[in-house]
Structure formats: structure tokens, C-alpha cells
PDB file of all heavy atoms in Angstrom:
ATOM      1  N   LEU A   1      26.456 -37.608 -68.683  1.00  0.00           N
ATOM      2  CA  LEU A   1      27.489 -36.647 -69.058  1.00  0.00           C
ATOM      3  C   LEU A   1      28.483 -37.237 -70.057  1.00  0.00           C
ATOM      4  O   LEU A   1      29.163 -38.217 -69.763  1.00  0.00           O
ATOM      5  CB  LEU A   1      28.246 -36.158 -67.829  1.00  0.00           C
ATOM      6  CG  LEU A   1      27.514 -35.176 -66.915  1.00  0.00           C
ATOM      7  CD1 LEU A   1      28.447 -34.669 -65.823  1.00  0.00           C
ATOM      8  CD2 LEU A   1      26.977 -33.997 -67.689  1.00  0.00           C
ATOM      9  N   THR A   2      28.525 -36.647 -71.249  1.00  0.00           N
ATOM     10  CA  THR A   2      29.538 -36.997 -72.239  1.00  0.00           C
ATOM     11  C   THR A   2      30.455 -35.817 -72.526  1.00  0.00           C
ATOM     12  O   THR A   2      31.486 -35.982 -73.172  1.00  0.00           O
ATOM     13  CB  THR A   2      28.877 -37.443 -73.557  1.00  0.00           C
ATOM     14  OG1 THR A   2      28.052 -36.383 -74.045  1.00  0.00           O
ATOM     15  CG2 THR A   2      28.037 -38.694 -73.340  1.00  0.00           C
ATOM     16  N   GLU A   3      30.065 -34.643 -72.047  1.00  0.00           N
ATOM     17  CA  GLU A   3      30.873 -33.444 -72.257  1.00  0.00           C
ATOM     18  C   GLU A   3      30.538 -32.408 -71.196  1.00  0.00           C
ATOM     19  O   GLU A   3      29.527 -32.499 -70.498  1.00  0.00           O
ATOM     20  CB  GLU A   3      30.623 -32.866 -73.660  1.00  0.00           C
ATOM     21  CG  GLU A   3      29.203 -32.394 -73.876  1.00  0.00           C
ATOM     22  CD  GLU A   3      28.966 -31.846 -75.281  1.00  0.00           C
ATOM     23  OE1 GLU A   3      29.801 -32.113 -76.170  1.00  0.00           O
ATOM     24  OE2 GLU A   3      27.947 -31.161 -75.478  1.00  0.00           O
ATOM     25  N   PHE A   4      31.423 -31.413 -71.082  1.00  0.00           N
ATOM     26  CA  PHE A   4      31.207 -30.291 -70.178  1.00  0.00           C
ATOM     27  C   PHE A   4      31.185 -29.005 -70.992  1.00  0.00           C
ATOM     28  O   PHE A   4      31.743 -28.930 -72.091  1.00  0.00           O
ATOM     29  CB  PHE A   4      32.317 -30.207 -69.131  1.00  0.00           C
ATOM     30  CG  PHE A   4      32.348 -31.356 -68.163  1.00  0.00           C
ATOM     31  CD1 PHE A   4      33.180 -32.444 -68.380  1.00  0.00           C
ATOM     32  CD2 PHE A   4      31.544 -31.351 -67.034  1.00  0.00           C
ATOM     33  CE1 PHE A   4      33.210 -33.499 -67.497  1.00  0.00           C
ATOM     34  CE2 PHE A   4      31.562 -32.406 -66.142  1.00  0.00           C
ATOM     35  CZ  PHE A   4      32.399 -33.485 -66.373  1.00  0.00           C
ATOM     36  N   ILE A   5      30.529 -27.996 -70.433  1.00  0.00           N
ATOM     37  CA  ILE A   5      30.531 -26.665 -71.036  1.00  0.00           C
ATOM     38  C   ILE A   5      31.391 -25.754 -70.163  1.00  0.00           C
ATOM     39  O   ILE A   5      31.151 -25.617 -68.965  1.00  0.00           O
ATOM     40  CB  ILE A   5      29.104 -26.093 -71.136  1.00  0.00           C
ATOM     41  CG1 ILE A   5      28.248 -26.970 -72.043  1.00  0.00           C
ATOM     42  CG2 ILE A   5      29.134 -24.663 -71.667  1.00  0.00           C
ATOM     43  CD1 ILE A   5      26.769 -26.579 -72.059  1.00  0.00           C
ATOM     44  N   LEU A   6      32.411 -25.164 -70.782  1.00  0.00           N
ATOM     45  CA  LEU A   6      33.288 -24.242 -70.065  1.00  0.00           C
ATOM     46  C   LEU A   6      32.751 -22.824 -70.214  1.00  0.00           C
ATOM     47  O   LEU A   6      32.533 -22.352 -71.330  1.00  0.00           O
ATOM     48  CB  LEU A   6      34.713 -24.325 -70.633  1.00  0.00           C
ATOM     49  CG  LEU A   6      35.427 -25.673 -70.460  1.00  0.00           C
ATOM     50  CD1 LEU A   6      36.677 -25.727 -71.329  1.00  0.00           C
ATOM     51  CD2 LEU A   6      35.792 -25.913 -69.005  1.00  0.00           C
ATOM     52  N   MET A   7      32.520 -22.145 -69.091  1.00  0.00           N
ATOM     53  CA  MET A   7      31.997 -20.782 -69.152  1.00  0.00           C
ATOM     54  C   MET A   7      33.004 -19.802 -69.734  1.00  0.00           C
ATOM     55  O   MET A   7      32.630 -18.760 -70.262  1.00  0.00           O
ATOM     56  CB  MET A   7      31.565 -20.319 -67.754  1.00  0.00           C
ATOM     57  CG  MET A   7      30.276 -20.956 -67.273  1.00  0.00           C
ATOM     58  SD  MET A   7      29.693 -20.257 -65.709  1.00  0.00           S
ATOM     59  CE  MET A   7      29.283 -18.586 -66.212  1.00  0.00           C
ATOM     60  N   GLY A   8      34.284 -20.142 -69.636  1.00  0.00           N
ATOM     61  CA  GLY A   8      35.311 -19.278 -70.206  1.00  0.00           C
ATOM     62  C   GLY A   8      35.654 -18.104 -69.305  1.00  0.00           C
ATOM     63  O   GLY A   8      35.179 -17.983 -68.176  1.00  0.00           O
ATOM     64  N   ILE A   9      36.483 -17.210 -69.833  1.00  0.00           N
ATOM     65  CA  ILE A   9      36.939 -16.055 -69.068  1.00  0.00           C
ATOM     66  C   ILE A   9      35.857 -14.997 -68.974  1.00  0.00           C
ATOM     67  O   ILE A   9      35.670 -14.353 -67.942  1.00  0.00           O
ATOM     68  CB  ILE A   9      38.216 -15.475 -69.705  1.00  0.00           C
ATOM     69  CG1 ILE A   9      39.353 -16.491 -69.553  1.00  0.00           C
ATOM     70  CG2 ILE A   9      38.611 -14.149 -69.060  1.00  0.00           C
ATOM     71  CD1 ILE A   9      40.621 -16.112 -70.270  1.00  0.00           C
ATOM     72  N   THR A  10      35.121 -14.800 -70.051  1.00  0.00           N
ATOM     73  CA  THR A  10      34.050 -13.796 -70.068  1.00  0.00           C
ATOM     74  C   THR A  10      32.917 -14.264 -70.968  1.00  0.00           C
ATOM     75  O   THR A  10      33.141 -15.027 -71.916  1.00  0.00           O
ATOM     76  CB  THR A  10      34.575 -12.432 -70.563  1.00  0.00           C
ATOM     77  OG1 THR A  10      33.510 -11.481 -70.566  1.00  0.00           O
ATOM     78  CG2 THR A  10      35.147 -12.534 -71.965  1.00  0.00           C
ATOM     79  N   ASP A  11      31.696 -13.822 -70.660  1.00  0.00           N
ATOM     80  CA  ASP A  11      30.546 -14.137 -71.520  1.00  0.00           C
ATOM     81  C   ASP A  11      30.135 -12.932 -72.372  1.00  0.00           C
ATOM     82  O   ASP A  11      29.087 -12.956 -73.015  1.00  0.00           O
ATOM     83  CB  ASP A  11      29.359 -14.622 -70.679  1.00  0.00           C
ATOM     84  CG  ASP A  11      28.959 -13.607 -69.606  1.00  0.00           C
ATOM     85  OD1 ASP A  11      29.631 -12.552 -69.506  1.00  0.00           O
ATOM     86  OD2 ASP A  11      28.003 -13.885 -68.867  1.00  0.00           O
ATOM     87  N   ARG A  12      30.962 -11.883 -72.396  1.00  0.00           N
ATOM     88  CA  ARG A  12      30.654 -10.683 -73.178  1.00  0.00           C
ATOM     89  C   ARG A  12      31.181 -10.859 -74.599  1.00  0.00           C
ATOM     90  O   ARG A  12      32.399 -10.966 -74.817  1.00  0.00           O
ATOM     91  CB  ARG A  12      31.272  -9.457 -72.517  1.00  0.00           C
ATOM     92  CG  ARG A  12      30.686  -9.157 -71.143  1.00  0.00           C
ATOM     93  CD  ARG A  12      31.411  -8.019 -70.453  1.00  0.00           C
ATOM     94  NE  ARG A  12      31.321  -6.769 -71.209  1.00  0.00           N
ATOM     95  CZ  ARG A  12      31.892  -5.626 -70.801  1.00  0.00           C
ATOM     96  NH1 ARG A  12      32.557  -5.590 -69.648  1.00  0.00           N
ATOM     97  NH2 ARG A  12      31.782  -4.547 -71.545  1.00  0.00           N
ATOM     98  N   PRO A  13      30.310 -10.891 -75.612  1.00  0.00           N
ATOM     99  CA  PRO A  13      30.725 -11.165 -76.996  1.00  0.00           C
ATOM    100  C   PRO A  13      31.754 -10.173 -77.528  1.00  0.00           C
ATOM    101  O   PRO A  13      32.653 -10.553 -78.284  1.00  0.00           O
ATOM    102  CB  PRO A  13      29.409 -11.067 -77.787  1.00  0.00           C
ATOM    103  CG  PRO A  13      28.332 -11.288 -76.774  1.00  0.00           C
ATOM    104  CD  PRO A  13      28.854 -10.730 -75.494  1.00  0.00           C
ATOM    105  N   GLU A  14      31.640  -8.899 -77.132  1.00  0.00           N
ATOM    106  CA  GLU A  14      32.546  -7.887 -77.674  1.00  0.00           C
ATOM    107  C   GLU A  14      33.984  -8.056 -77.181  1.00  0.00           C
ATOM    108  O   GLU A  14      34.923  -7.467 -77.756  1.00  0.00           O
ATOM    109  CB  GLU A  14      32.038  -6.480 -77.329  1.00  0.00           C
ATOM    110  CG  GLU A  14      32.127  -6.089 -75.863  1.00  0.00           C
ATOM    111  CD  GLU A  14      30.899  -6.517 -75.047  1.00  0.00           C
ATOM    112  OE1 GLU A  14      30.124  -7.355 -75.554  1.00  0.00           O
ATOM    113  OE2 GLU A  14      30.739  -6.009 -73.922  1.00  0.00           O
ATOM    114  N   LEU A  15      34.186  -8.864 -76.129  1.00  0.00           N
ATOM    115  CA  LEU A  15      35.536  -9.072 -75.597  1.00  0.00           C
ATOM    116  C   LEU A  15      36.197 -10.345 -76.115  1.00  0.00           C
ATOM    117  O   LEU A  15      37.384 -10.566 -75.866  1.00  0.00           O
ATOM    118  CB  LEU A  15      35.489  -9.118 -74.064  1.00  0.00           C
ATOM    119  CG  LEU A  15      35.093  -7.825 -73.344  1.00  0.00           C
ATOM    120  CD1 LEU A  15      35.055  -8.046 -71.840  1.00  0.00           C
ATOM    121  CD2 LEU A  15      36.061  -6.688 -73.688  1.00  0.00           C
ATOM    122  N   GLN A  16      35.438 -11.185 -76.818  1.00  0.00           N
ATOM    123  CA  GLN A  16      35.980 -12.467 -77.273  1.00  0.00           C
ATOM    124  C   GLN A  16      37.161 -12.280 -78.221  1.00  0.00           C
ATOM    125  O   GLN A  16      38.214 -12.897 -78.046  1.00  0.00           O
ATOM    126  CB  GLN A  16      34.877 -13.292 -77.962  1.00  0.00           C
ATOM    127  CG  GLN A  16      33.668 -13.611 -77.097  1.00  0.00           C
ATOM    128  CD  GLN A  16      34.009 -14.488 -75.905  1.00  0.00           C
ATOM    129  OE1 GLN A  16      34.827 -15.394 -76.003  1.00  0.00           O
ATOM    130  NE2 GLN A  16      33.373 -14.233 -74.768  1.00  0.00           N
ATOM    131  N   ALA A  17      37.008 -11.430 -79.237  1.00  0.00           N
ATOM    132  CA  ALA A  17      38.078 -11.225 -80.229  1.00  0.00           C
ATOM    133  C   ALA A  17      39.315 -10.564 -79.611  1.00  0.00           C
ATOM    134  O   ALA A  17      40.442 -11.038 -79.835  1.00  0.00           O
ATOM    135  CB  ALA A  17      37.551 -10.402 -81.407  1.00  0.00           C
ATOM    136  N   PRO A  18      39.160  -9.474 -78.829  1.00  0.00           N
ATOM    137  CA  PRO A  18      40.363  -8.888 -78.193  1.00  0.00           C
ATOM    138  C   PRO A  18      41.088  -9.867 -77.265  1.00  0.00           C
ATOM    139  O   PRO A  18      42.322  -9.922 -77.271  1.00  0.00           O
ATOM    140  CB  PRO A  18      39.798  -7.700 -77.402  1.00  0.00           C
ATOM    141  CG  PRO A  18      38.526  -7.360 -78.075  1.00  0.00           C
ATOM    142  CD  PRO A  18      37.967  -8.645 -78.573  1.00  0.00           C
ATOM    143  N   PHE A  19      40.323 -10.636 -76.480  1.00  0.00           N
ATOM    144  CA  PHE A  19      40.948 -11.609 -75.589  1.00  0.00           C
ATOM    145  C   PHE A  19      41.650 -12.710 -76.382  1.00  0.00           C
ATOM    146  O   PHE A  19      42.722 -13.181 -75.993  1.00  0.00           O
ATOM    147  CB  PHE A  19      39.909 -12.215 -74.638  1.00  0.00           C
ATOM    148  CG  PHE A  19      39.635 -11.370 -73.418  1.00  0.00           C
ATOM    149  CD1 PHE A  19      38.540 -11.645 -72.608  1.00  0.00           C
ATOM    150  CD2 PHE A  19      40.467 -10.328 -73.071  1.00  0.00           C
ATOM    151  CE1 PHE A  19      38.279 -10.872 -71.483  1.00  0.00           C
ATOM    152  CE2 PHE A  19      40.224  -9.546 -71.945  1.00  0.00           C
ATOM    153  CZ  PHE A  19      39.124  -9.829 -71.150  1.00  0.00           C
ATOM    154  N   PHE A  20      41.033 -13.136 -77.479  1.00  0.00           N
ATOM    155  CA  PHE A  20      41.660 -14.163 -78.320  1.00  0.00           C
ATOM    156  C   PHE A  20      43.016 -13.671 -78.809  1.00  0.00           C
ATOM    157  O   PHE A  20      44.021 -14.387 -78.734  1.00  0.00           O
ATOM    158  CB  PHE A  20      40.761 -14.502 -79.506  1.00  0.00           C
ATOM    159  CG  PHE A  20      41.412 -15.430 -80.501  1.00  0.00           C
ATOM    160  CD1 PHE A  20      41.468 -16.789 -80.259  1.00  0.00           C
ATOM    161  CD2 PHE A  20      41.985 -14.929 -81.664  1.00  0.00           C
ATOM    162  CE1 PHE A  20      42.089 -17.651 -81.168  1.00  0.00           C
ATOM    163  CE2 PHE A  20      42.607 -15.777 -82.571  1.00  0.00           C
ATOM    164  CZ  PHE A  20      42.653 -17.137 -82.323  1.00  0.00           C
ATOM    165  N   GLY A  21      43.061 -12.438 -79.328  1.00  0.00           N
ATOM    166  CA  GLY A  21      44.318 -11.877 -79.817  1.00  0.00           C
ATOM    167  C   GLY A  21      45.357 -11.737 -78.720  1.00  0.00           C
ATOM    168  O   GLY A  21      46.532 -12.095 -78.905  1.00  0.00           O
ATOM    169  N   LEU A  22      44.921 -11.234 -77.558  1.00  0.00           N
ATOM    170  CA  LEU A  22      45.835 -11.026 -76.434  1.00  0.00           C
ATOM    171  C   LEU A  22      46.445 -12.344 -75.960  1.00  0.00           C
ATOM    172  O   LEU A  22      47.671 -12.470 -75.825  1.00  0.00           O
ATOM    173  CB  LEU A  22      45.094 -10.342 -75.286  1.00  0.00           C
ATOM    174  CG  LEU A  22      45.867 -10.193 -73.972  1.00  0.00           C
ATOM    175  CD1 LEU A  22      47.080  -9.291 -74.150  1.00  0.00           C
ATOM    176  CD2 LEU A  22      44.945  -9.650 -72.870  1.00  0.00           C
ATOM    177  N   PHE A  23      45.580 -13.339 -75.707  1.00  0.00           N
ATOM    178  CA  PHE A  23      46.076 -14.600 -75.162  1.00  0.00           C
ATOM    179  C   PHE A  23      46.813 -15.436 -76.205  1.00  0.00           C
ATOM    180  O   PHE A  23      47.677 -16.250 -75.854  1.00  0.00           O
ATOM    181  CB  PHE A  23      44.937 -15.385 -74.526  1.00  0.00           C
ATOM    182  CG  PHE A  23      44.408 -14.749 -73.268  1.00  0.00           C
ATOM    183  CD1 PHE A  23      43.080 -14.350 -73.166  1.00  0.00           C
ATOM    184  CD2 PHE A  23      45.245 -14.508 -72.190  1.00  0.00           C
ATOM    185  CE1 PHE A  23      42.606 -13.743 -72.020  1.00  0.00           C
ATOM    186  CE2 PHE A  23      44.778 -13.907 -71.029  1.00  0.00           C
ATOM    187  CZ  PHE A  23      43.455 -13.518 -70.943  1.00  0.00           C
ATOM    188  N   LEU A  24      46.493 -15.241 -77.484  1.00  0.00           N
ATOM    189  CA  LEU A  24      47.267 -15.909 -78.537  1.00  0.00           C
ATOM    190  C   LEU A  24      48.698 -15.390 -78.548  1.00  0.00           C
ATOM    191  O   LEU A  24      49.654 -16.172 -78.660  1.00  0.00           O
ATOM    192  CB  LEU A  24      46.607 -15.683 -79.904  1.00  0.00           C
ATOM    193  CG  LEU A  24      47.351 -16.292 -81.100  1.00  0.00           C
ATOM    194  CD1 LEU A  24      47.433 -17.809 -80.970  1.00  0.00           C
ATOM    195  CD2 LEU A  24      46.665 -15.891 -82.411  1.00  0.00           C
ATOM    196  N   ILE A  25      48.857 -14.079 -78.402  1.00  0.00           N
ATOM    197  CA  ILE A  25      50.202 -13.485 -78.341  1.00  0.00           C
ATOM    198  C   ILE A  25      50.954 -13.994 -77.111  1.00  0.00           C
ATOM    199  O   ILE A  25      52.122 -14.394 -77.199  1.00  0.00           O
ATOM    200  CB  ILE A  25      50.110 -11.948 -78.320  1.00  0.00           C
ATOM    201  CG1 ILE A  25      49.580 -11.424 -79.661  1.00  0.00           C
ATOM    202  CG2 ILE A  25      51.470 -11.325 -78.010  1.00  0.00           C
ATOM    203  CD1 ILE A  25      49.239  -9.950 -79.653  1.00  0.00           C
ATOM    204  N   ILE A  26      50.267 -13.990 -75.949  1.00  0.00           N
ATOM    205  CA  ILE A  26      50.903 -14.448 -74.705  1.00  0.00           C
ATOM    206  C   ILE A  26      51.344 -15.900 -74.828  1.00  0.00           C
ATOM    207  O   ILE A  26      52.475 -16.261 -74.476  1.00  0.00           O
ATOM    208  CB  ILE A  26      49.938 -14.273 -73.517  1.00  0.00           C
ATOM    209  CG1 ILE A  26      49.742 -12.788 -73.200  1.00  0.00           C
ATOM    210  CG2 ILE A  26      50.464 -15.015 -72.279  1.00  0.00           C
ATOM    211  CD1 ILE A  26      48.668 -12.518 -72.161  1.00  0.00           C
ATOM    212  N   TYR A  27      50.463 -16.758 -75.362  1.00  0.00           N
ATOM    213  CA  TYR A  27      50.790 -18.183 -75.477  1.00  0.00           C
ATOM    214  C   TYR A  27      51.914 -18.408 -76.491  1.00  0.00           C
ATOM    215  O   TYR A  27      52.812 -19.227 -76.266  1.00  0.00           O
ATOM    216  CB  TYR A  27      49.552 -18.976 -75.875  1.00  0.00           C
ATOM    217  CG  TYR A  27      49.813 -20.462 -76.040  1.00  0.00           C
ATOM    218  CD1 TYR A  27      50.298 -21.219 -74.970  1.00  0.00           C
ATOM    219  CD2 TYR A  27      49.587 -21.098 -77.259  1.00  0.00           C
ATOM    220  CE1 TYR A  27      50.555 -22.576 -75.121  1.00  0.00           C
ATOM    221  CE2 TYR A  27      49.833 -22.451 -77.409  1.00  0.00           C
ATOM    222  CZ  TYR A  27      50.322 -23.184 -76.337  1.00  0.00           C
ATOM    223  OH  TYR A  27      50.575 -24.524 -76.481  1.00  0.00           O
ATOM    224  N   THR A  28      51.893 -17.665 -77.594  1.00  0.00           N
ATOM    225  CA  THR A  28      52.943 -17.792 -78.606  1.00  0.00           C
ATOM    226  C   THR A  28      54.301 -17.402 -78.030  1.00  0.00           C
ATOM    227  O   THR A  28      55.305 -18.109 -78.232  1.00  0.00           O
ATOM    228  CB  THR A  28      52.629 -16.915 -79.833  1.00  0.00           C
ATOM    229  OG1 THR A  28      51.354 -17.291 -80.373  1.00  0.00           O
ATOM    230  CG2 THR A  28      53.694 -17.066 -80.905  1.00  0.00           C
ATOM    231  N   VAL A  29      54.336 -16.282 -77.301  1.00  0.00           N
ATOM    232  CA  VAL A  29      55.587 -15.849 -76.662  1.00  0.00           C
ATOM    233  C   VAL A  29      56.061 -16.900 -75.657  1.00  0.00           C
ATOM    234  O   VAL A  29      57.262 -17.197 -75.561  1.00  0.00           O
ATOM    235  CB  VAL A  29      55.390 -14.484 -75.963  1.00  0.00           C
ATOM    236  CG1 VAL A  29      56.615 -14.111 -75.128  1.00  0.00           C
ATOM    237  CG2 VAL A  29      55.107 -13.395 -76.999  1.00  0.00           C
ATOM    238  N   SER A  30      55.111 -17.480 -74.919  1.00  0.00           N
ATOM    239  CA  SER A  30      55.441 -18.514 -73.933  1.00  0.00           C
ATOM    240  C   SER A  30      56.049 -19.746 -74.601  1.00  0.00           C
ATOM    241  O   SER A  30      57.073 -20.271 -74.145  1.00  0.00           O
ATOM    242  CB  SER A  30      54.188 -18.907 -73.145  1.00  0.00           C
ATOM    243  OG  SER A  30      54.465 -19.966 -72.257  1.00  0.00           O
ATOM    244  N   VAL A  31      55.433 -20.203 -75.689  1.00  0.00           N
ATOM    245  CA  VAL A  31      55.929 -21.386 -76.401  1.00  0.00           C
ATOM    246  C   VAL A  31      57.323 -21.123 -76.973  1.00  0.00           C
ATOM    247  O   VAL A  31      58.243 -21.933 -76.808  1.00  0.00           O
ATOM    248  CB  VAL A  31      54.952 -21.800 -77.527  1.00  0.00           C
ATOM    249  CG1 VAL A  31      55.579 -22.871 -78.421  1.00  0.00           C
ATOM    250  CG2 VAL A  31      53.650 -22.320 -76.935  1.00  0.00           C
ATOM    251  N   VAL A  32      57.479 -19.984 -77.648  1.00  0.00           N
ATOM    252  CA  VAL A  32      58.776 -19.645 -78.249  1.00  0.00           C
ATOM    253  C   VAL A  32      59.846 -19.504 -77.166  1.00  0.00           C
ATOM    254  O   VAL A  32      60.970 -20.032 -77.303  1.00  0.00           O
ATOM    255  CB  VAL A  32      58.665 -18.346 -79.076  1.00  0.00           C
ATOM    256  CG1 VAL A  32      60.049 -17.878 -79.527  1.00  0.00           C
ATOM    257  CG2 VAL A  32      57.757 -18.547 -80.287  1.00  0.00           C
ATOM    258  N   GLY A  33      59.513 -18.812 -76.067  1.00  0.00           N
ATOM    259  CA  GLY A  33      60.477 -18.592 -74.992  1.00  0.00           C
ATOM    260  C   GLY A  33      60.909 -19.879 -74.322  1.00  0.00           C
ATOM    261  O   GLY A  33      62.104 -20.115 -74.116  1.00  0.00           O
ATOM    262  N   ASN A  34      59.949 -20.730 -73.990  1.00  0.00           N
ATOM    263  CA  ASN A  34      60.286 -21.969 -73.284  1.00  0.00           C
ATOM    264  C   ASN A  34      60.947 -22.991 -74.194  1.00  0.00           C
ATOM    265  O   ASN A  34      61.890 -23.685 -73.773  1.00  0.00           O
ATOM    266  CB  ASN A  34      59.029 -22.555 -72.632  1.00  0.00           C
ATOM    267  CG  ASN A  34      58.605 -21.790 -71.388  1.00  0.00           C
ATOM    268  OD1 ASN A  34      59.321 -21.754 -70.400  1.00  0.00           O
ATOM    269  ND2 ASN A  34      57.448 -21.159 -71.448  1.00  0.00           N
ATOM    270  N   LEU A  35      60.495 -23.090 -75.449  1.00  0.00           N
ATOM    271  CA  LEU A  35      61.175 -23.977 -76.397  1.00  0.00           C
ATOM    272  C   LEU A  35      62.598 -23.498 -76.645  1.00  0.00           C
ATOM    273  O   LEU A  35      63.534 -24.301 -76.730  1.00  0.00           O
ATOM    274  CB  LEU A  35      60.409 -24.033 -77.722  1.00  0.00           C
ATOM    275  CG  LEU A  35      59.252 -25.024 -77.817  1.00  0.00           C
ATOM    276  CD1 LEU A  35      58.589 -24.927 -79.182  1.00  0.00           C
ATOM    277  CD2 LEU A  35      59.726 -26.457 -77.566  1.00  0.00           C
ATOM    278  N   GLY A  36      62.737 -22.172 -76.754  1.00  0.00           N
ATOM    279  CA  GLY A  36      64.073 -21.611 -76.937  1.00  0.00           C
ATOM    280  C   GLY A  36      64.987 -21.924 -75.766  1.00  0.00           C
ATOM    281  O   GLY A  36      66.164 -22.270 -75.955  1.00  0.00           O
ATOM    282  N   MET A  37      64.443 -21.829 -74.537  1.00  0.00           N
ATOM    283  CA  MET A  37      65.233 -22.134 -73.346  1.00  0.00           C
ATOM    284  C   MET A  37      65.634 -23.610 -73.326  1.00  0.00           C
ATOM    285  O   MET A  37      66.777 -23.952 -72.980  1.00  0.00           O
ATOM    286  CB  MET A  37      64.434 -21.789 -72.087  1.00  0.00           C
ATOM    287  CG  MET A  37      65.217 -21.886 -70.794  1.00  0.00           C
ATOM    288  SD  MET A  37      66.540 -20.655 -70.679  1.00  0.00           S
ATOM    289  CE  MET A  37      65.574 -19.156 -70.469  1.00  0.00           C
ATOM    290  N   ILE A  38      64.712 -24.489 -73.700  1.00  0.00           N
ATOM    291  CA  ILE A  38      65.011 -25.926 -73.739  1.00  0.00           C
ATOM    292  C   ILE A  38      66.118 -26.213 -74.754  1.00  0.00           C
ATOM    293  O   ILE A  38      67.075 -26.951 -74.471  1.00  0.00           O
ATOM    294  CB  ILE A  38      63.741 -26.731 -74.092  1.00  0.00           C
ATOM    295  CG1 ILE A  38      62.724 -26.650 -72.944  1.00  0.00           C
ATOM    296  CG2 ILE A  38      64.087 -28.196 -74.378  1.00  0.00           C
ATOM    297  CD1 ILE A  38      61.350 -27.172 -73.296  1.00  0.00           C
ATOM    298  N   ILE A  39      66.002 -25.622 -75.942  1.00  0.00           N
ATOM    299  CA  ILE A  39      66.998 -25.856 -76.998  1.00  0.00           C
ATOM    300  C   ILE A  39      68.359 -25.285 -76.611  1.00  0.00           C
ATOM    301  O   ILE A  39      69.392 -25.948 -76.756  1.00  0.00           O
ATOM    302  CB  ILE A  39      66.514 -25.243 -78.335  1.00  0.00           C
ATOM    303  CG1 ILE A  39      65.273 -25.993 -78.821  1.00  0.00           C
ATOM    304  CG2 ILE A  39      67.612 -25.296 -79.389  1.00  0.00           C
ATOM    305  CD1 ILE A  39      64.554 -25.320 -79.976  1.00  0.00           C
ATOM    306  N   LEU A  40      68.373 -24.040 -76.094  1.00  0.00           N
ATOM    307  CA  LEU A  40      69.637 -23.397 -75.706  1.00  0.00           C
ATOM    308  C   LEU A  40      70.385 -24.216 -74.659  1.00  0.00           C
ATOM    309  O   LEU A  40      71.592 -24.447 -74.769  1.00  0.00           O
ATOM    310  CB  LEU A  40      69.375 -21.996 -75.167  1.00  0.00           C
ATOM    311  CG  LEU A  40      69.139 -20.865 -76.158  1.00  0.00           C
ATOM    312  CD1 LEU A  40      68.882 -19.564 -75.421  1.00  0.00           C
ATOM    313  CD2 LEU A  40      70.315 -20.708 -77.104  1.00  0.00           C
ATOM    314  N   THR A  41      69.679 -24.625 -73.618  1.00  0.00           N
ATOM    315  CA  THR A  41      70.331 -25.343 -72.521  1.00  0.00           C
ATOM    316  C   THR A  41      70.691 -26.778 -72.904  1.00  0.00           C
ATOM    317  O   THR A  41      71.429 -27.444 -72.179  1.00  0.00           O
ATOM    318  CB  THR A  41      69.433 -25.359 -71.264  1.00  0.00           C
ATOM    319  OG1 THR A  41      68.151 -25.909 -71.597  1.00  0.00           O
ATOM    320  CG2 THR A  41      69.246 -23.952 -70.716  1.00  0.00           C
TER     321      THR A  41
END
């Protein structure tokens, strides 16, 4: 073993792009919100 394969959230190809967009937005909001909280405090 030199690597692992992650099955991911779904194996349905048609959902990959929508999920990418959704979770990119969620992660971006999370980063901005938490960095903002760190800076403010």
C-alpha cells in the first residue's frame, strides 16, 4: 500500500459537478467566517 482510494460522497457522475459547487461555497463561507472571527476577536 502506497495510496488509498476514497469512494467519496457519491459515485454518480451527474452529481459530481453540483456537489463540487455546493461544497465549495460551504467551505468558502466557512473559511471566510472563521478567519473573520479570528481577526475580529
